[in-house]
Structure formats: C-alpha cells, structure tokens
C-alpha atoms as a PDB file:
ATOM      1  CA  UNK A   1      17.652 -36.915  19.834  1.00  0.00           C
ATOM      2  CA  UNK A   2      16.682 -35.435  16.452  1.00  0.00           C
ATOM      3  CA  UNK A   3      14.786 -38.744  15.854  1.00  0.00           C
ATOM      4  CA  UNK A   4      11.272 -37.278  15.360  1.00  0.00           C
ATOM      5  CA  UNK A   5      11.650 -36.795  11.835  1.00  0.00           C
ATOM      6  CA  UNK A   6      12.884 -40.591  11.400  1.00  0.00           C
ATOM      7  CA  UNK A   7       9.797 -41.669  12.692  1.00  0.00           C
ATOM      8  CA  UNK A   8       7.623 -39.354  10.737  1.00  0.00           C
ATOM      9  CA  UNK A   9       9.590 -40.358   7.316  1.00  0.00           C
ATOM     10  CA  UNK A  10       8.254 -43.110   5.230  1.00  0.00           C
ATOM     11  CA  UNK A  11      10.937 -46.103   5.089  1.00  0.00           C
ATOM     12  CA  UNK A  12      11.503 -46.092   1.526  1.00  0.00           C
ATOM     13  CA  UNK A  13      12.804 -42.524   1.937  1.00  0.00           C
ATOM     14  CA  UNK A  14      15.106 -42.921   4.509  1.00  0.00           C
ATOM     15  CA  UNK A  15      19.107 -42.604   3.623  1.00  0.00           C
ATOM     16  CA  UNK A  16      21.236 -45.523   4.866  1.00  0.00           C
ATOM     17  CA  UNK A  17      22.564 -43.641   7.936  1.00  0.00           C
ATOM     18  CA  UNK A  18      18.863 -42.781   8.860  1.00  0.00           C
ATOM     19  CA  UNK A  19      17.923 -46.568   8.492  1.00  0.00           C
ATOM     20  CA  UNK A  20      20.628 -47.416  10.957  1.00  0.00           C
ATOM     21  CA  UNK A  21      19.771 -44.629  13.552  1.00  0.00           C
ATOM     22  CA  UNK A  22      15.976 -45.919  12.735  1.00  0.00           C
ATOM     23  CA  UNK A  23      17.075 -49.600  13.603  1.00  0.00           C
ATOM     24  CA  UNK A  24      18.725 -48.595  16.853  1.00  0.00           C
ATOM     25  CA  UNK A  25      15.652 -46.705  18.055  1.00  0.00           C
ATOM     26  CA  UNK A  26      13.272 -49.478  17.124  1.00  0.00           C
ATOM     27  CA  UNK A  27      14.727 -51.501  19.789  1.00  0.00           C
ATOM     28  CA  UNK A  28      13.425 -49.465  22.646  1.00  0.00           C
ATOM     29  CA  UNK A  29       9.674 -49.634  23.498  1.00  0.00           C
ATOM     30  CA  UNK A  30       8.768 -46.006  23.111  1.00  0.00           C
ATOM     31  CA  UNK A  31       5.222 -44.831  22.497  1.00  0.00           C
ATOM     32  CA  UNK A  32       6.712 -42.927  19.593  1.00  0.00           C
ATOM     33  CA  UNK A  33       8.371 -46.020  18.468  1.00  0.00           C
ATOM     34  CA  UNK A  34       5.158 -48.098  18.810  1.00  0.00           C
ATOM     35  CA  UNK A  35       3.224 -45.556  16.956  1.00  0.00           C
ATOM     36  CA  UNK A  36       5.825 -45.529  14.015  1.00  0.00           C
ATOM     37  CA  UNK A  37       5.601 -49.227  13.718  1.00  0.00           C
ATOM     38  CA  UNK A  38       1.635 -48.950  13.731  1.00  0.00           C
ATOM     39  CA  UNK A  39       1.909 -46.447  10.901  1.00  0.00           C
ATOM     40  CA  UNK A  40       4.328 -48.582   8.823  1.00  0.00           C
ATOM     41  CA  UNK A  41       2.232 -51.562   9.429  1.00  0.00           C
ATOM     42  CA  UNK A  42      -1.011 -49.622   8.014  1.00  0.00           C
ATOM     43  CA  UNK A  43       1.036 -48.852   4.732  1.00  0.00           C
ATOM     44  CA  UNK A  44       0.292 -52.718   3.952  1.00  0.00           C
ATOM     45  CA  UNK A  45      -3.343 -51.876   3.688  1.00  0.00           C
ATOM     46  CA  UNK A  46      -2.734 -50.089   0.268  1.00  0.00           C
ATOM     47  CA  UNK A  47      -1.568 -53.333  -1.092  1.00  0.00           C
ATOM     48  CA  UNK A  48      -4.524 -55.453  -0.899  1.00  0.00           C
ATOM     49  CA  UNK A  49      -6.151 -56.154  -4.143  1.00  0.00           C
ATOM     50  CA  UNK A  50      -9.522 -57.761  -2.409  1.00  0.00           C
ATOM     51  CA  UNK A  51     -11.801 -55.733  -0.337  1.00  0.00           C
ATOM     52  CA  UNK A  52     -12.446 -58.701   1.859  1.00  0.00           C
ATOM     53  CA  UNK A  53      -8.981 -59.239   2.804  1.00  0.00           C
ATOM     54  CA  UNK A  54      -8.594 -55.613   3.366  1.00  0.00           C
ATOM     55  CA  UNK A  55     -11.393 -55.463   5.409  1.00  0.00           C
ATOM     56  CA  UNK A  56      -9.832 -58.103   7.561  1.00  0.00           C
ATOM     57  CA  UNK A  57      -6.454 -56.496   7.643  1.00  0.00           C
ATOM     58  CA  UNK A  58      -8.355 -52.961   8.734  1.00  0.00           C
ATOM     59  CA  UNK A  59     -10.163 -54.918  11.528  1.00  0.00           C
ATOM     60  CA  UNK A  60      -7.089 -56.622  12.881  1.00  0.00           C
ATOM     61  CA  UNK A  61      -4.954 -53.424  12.536  1.00  0.00           C
ATOM     62  CA  UNK A  62      -7.748 -51.536  14.477  1.00  0.00           C
ATOM     63  CA  UNK A  63      -7.973 -53.730  17.074  1.00  0.00           C
ATOM     64  CA  UNK A  64      -4.048 -53.828  17.439  1.00  0.00           C
ATOM     65  CA  UNK A  65      -4.165 -50.220  17.639  1.00  0.00           C
ATOM     66  CA  UNK A  66      -7.070 -49.869  20.152  1.00  0.00           C
ATOM     67  CA  UNK A  67      -4.806 -52.102  22.632  1.00  0.00           C
ATOM     68  CA  UNK A  68      -1.741 -49.807  22.030  1.00  0.00           C
ATOM     69  CA  UNK A  69      -2.676 -47.218  24.636  1.00  0.00           C
ATOM     70  CA  UNK A  70      -1.537 -44.475  22.330  1.00  0.00           C
ATOM     71  CA  UNK A  71      -4.460 -41.972  22.298  1.00  0.00           C
ATOM     72  CA  UNK A  72      -3.929 -40.225  19.073  1.00  0.00           C
ATOM     73  CA  UNK A  73      -3.489 -43.617  17.343  1.00  0.00           C
ATOM     74  CA  UNK A  74      -6.675 -45.000  19.058  1.00  0.00           C
ATOM     75  CA  UNK A  75      -8.575 -41.861  17.636  1.00  0.00           C
ATOM     76  CA  UNK A  76      -7.188 -42.966  14.040  1.00  0.00           C
ATOM     77  CA  UNK A  77      -8.488 -46.479  14.268  1.00  0.00           C
ATOM     78  CA  UNK A  78     -11.877 -45.054  15.637  1.00  0.00           C
ATOM     79  CA  UNK A  79     -12.290 -43.001  12.612  1.00  0.00           C
ATOM     80  CA  UNK A  80     -11.213 -45.823  10.107  1.00  0.00           C
ATOM     81  CA  UNK A  81     -13.842 -48.064  12.039  1.00  0.00           C
ATOM     82  CA  UNK A  82     -16.488 -45.173  11.390  1.00  0.00           C
ATOM     83  CA  UNK A  83     -15.413 -44.913   7.791  1.00  0.00           C
ATOM     84  CA  UNK A  84     -14.719 -48.444   7.071  1.00  0.00           C
ATOM     85  CA  UNK A  85     -17.456 -49.092   4.458  1.00  0.00           C
ATOM     86  CA  UNK A  86     -16.350 -45.888   2.640  1.00  0.00           C
ATOM     87  CA  UNK A  87     -12.849 -46.669   2.630  1.00  0.00           C
ATOM     88  CA  UNK A  88     -13.444 -50.263   1.430  1.00  0.00           C
ATOM     89  CA  UNK A  89     -15.827 -49.081  -1.287  1.00  0.00           C
ATOM     90  CA  UNK A  90     -13.098 -46.276  -2.282  1.00  0.00           C
ATOM     91  CA  UNK A  91     -10.323 -49.470  -2.672  1.00  0.00           C
ATOM     92  CA  UNK A  92     -12.954 -51.388  -4.601  1.00  0.00           C
ATOM     93  CA  UNK A  93     -13.184 -48.664  -7.062  1.00  0.00           C
ATOM     94  CA  UNK A  94      -9.537 -47.989  -7.213  1.00  0.00           C
ATOM     95  CA  UNK A  95      -9.010 -51.444  -8.259  1.00  0.00           C
ATOM     96  CA  UNK A  96     -11.779 -51.752 -10.524  1.00  0.00           C
ATOM     97  CA  UNK A  97     -10.563 -48.729 -12.388  1.00  0.00           C
ATOM     98  CA  UNK A  98      -7.130 -50.338 -12.483  1.00  0.00           C
ATOM     99  CA  UNK A  99      -8.307 -53.597 -13.912  1.00  0.00           C
ATOM    100  CA  UNK A 100     -10.054 -51.726 -16.635  1.00  0.00           C
ATOM    101  CA  UNK A 101      -6.698 -50.246 -17.655  1.00  0.00           C
ATOM    102  CA  UNK A 102      -5.325 -53.356 -17.446  1.00  0.00           C
ATOM    103  CA  UNK A 103      -7.566 -55.010 -19.757  1.00  0.00           C
ATOM    104  CA  UNK A 104      -7.531 -52.104 -22.277  1.00  0.00           C
ATOM    105  CA  UNK A 105      -3.713 -52.470 -22.233  1.00  0.00           C
ATOM    106  CA  UNK A 106      -3.857 -56.241 -22.766  1.00  0.00           C
ATOM    107  CA  UNK A 107      -6.339 -55.742 -25.692  1.00  0.00           C
ATOM    108  CA  UNK A 108      -3.732 -53.251 -27.225  1.00  0.00           C
ATOM    109  CA  UNK A 109      -0.784 -55.700 -26.802  1.00  0.00           C
ATOM    110  CA  UNK A 110      -2.999 -58.519 -28.184  1.00  0.00           C
ATOM    111  CA  UNK A 111      -3.735 -56.257 -31.218  1.00  0.00           C
ATOM    112  CA  UNK A 112       0.028 -55.628 -31.814  1.00  0.00           C
ATOM    113  CA  UNK A 113       1.154 -59.057 -31.313  1.00  0.00           C
ATOM    114  CA  UNK A 114      -1.321 -60.251 -33.838  1.00  0.00           C
ATOM    115  CA  UNK A 115      -0.186 -57.232 -36.240  1.00  0.00           C
ATOM    116  CA  UNK A 116       3.638 -58.596 -35.965  1.00  0.00           C
ATOM    117  CA  UNK A 117       2.532 -62.025 -35.973  1.00  0.00           C
ATOM    118  CA  UNK A 118       0.966 -61.179 -39.719  1.00  0.00           C
ATOM    119  CA  UNK A 119       4.068 -58.936 -40.537  1.00  0.00           C
ATOM    120  CA  UNK A 120       6.509 -61.944 -39.860  1.00  0.00           C
ATOM    121  CA  UNK A 121       4.345 -64.339 -41.819  1.00  0.00           C
ATOM    122  CA  UNK A 122       4.330 -62.154 -44.676  1.00  0.00           C
ATOM    123  CA  UNK A 123       8.157 -61.826 -44.762  1.00  0.00           C
ATOM    124  CA  UNK A 124       8.570 -65.593 -44.326  1.00  0.00           C
ATOM    125  CA  UNK A 125       6.287 -66.386 -47.514  1.00  0.00           C
ATOM    126  CA  UNK A 126       8.255 -63.668 -49.620  1.00  0.00           C
ATOM    127  CA  UNK A 127      11.669 -65.569 -48.707  1.00  0.00           C
ATOM    128  CA  UNK A 128      10.278 -69.064 -49.191  1.00  0.00           C
ATOM    129  CA  UNK A 129       8.820 -68.220 -52.564  1.00  0.00           C
END
C-alpha cells in the first residue's frame, strides 16, 4: 500500500525510509516491480560514452523488455527500436559537444599552468640573484 510513488521516483531521490520500503517491495515478483527494475536498468543507457556500446545496451534492454510480458513497457521498447538511429545519433552529438567543451577547458588549464610556471620561475630568479 502507498508504494506507487516509490516505484515512480528515481532511486537517488528516495529517503532512507523509502529505500527500506522499496527493498522490501522488490522481493516480490509483481509486474509493477519488474517494470520499476527495467526503468532503473534503462538509466544506465545515459552513462555510455560509446555509441556502439550504447546500441548493444539498447538492443539487450529492448529484448529483455519484450520478454517481460508487461505491455506498456513493451510499447516503450518498440518505440525505442523504431527511433534507435535517432537516439544513438543524439547521444553521439551530446558526447561530441561534451568532448569539445573538455578540450576547450583543457586548453585554458594548460595556458593558466604555463603562466603560473612562468610566474614562479620569475620569482625564483629574483631570489637567486
């Protein structure tokens, strides 16, 4: 009773009491619990940096979901399969933009480091002479 919101909430947003209640609930083989576990498993998709590995994960997740006998989840898997190319293209563009930002930041850090090195070299020459 009163567990629906536990299943809808993301695991990182649960309080300690809710986590305990959820861990008790997961022990049961209910369709709602299986759907929750599939939902949580899909969150791992966003952690892949390689589109090839993301595609493998997506295929595995969709196959597993189609075997789950949970119609709303099967509809989601079908939709993901239809739009797989677009989803993977989006993930490639996100990681590409992220890499560009990292490269820009890396360049800024290297420039700041070289300026600091020059500053400390000038200090050491002052005190040596």
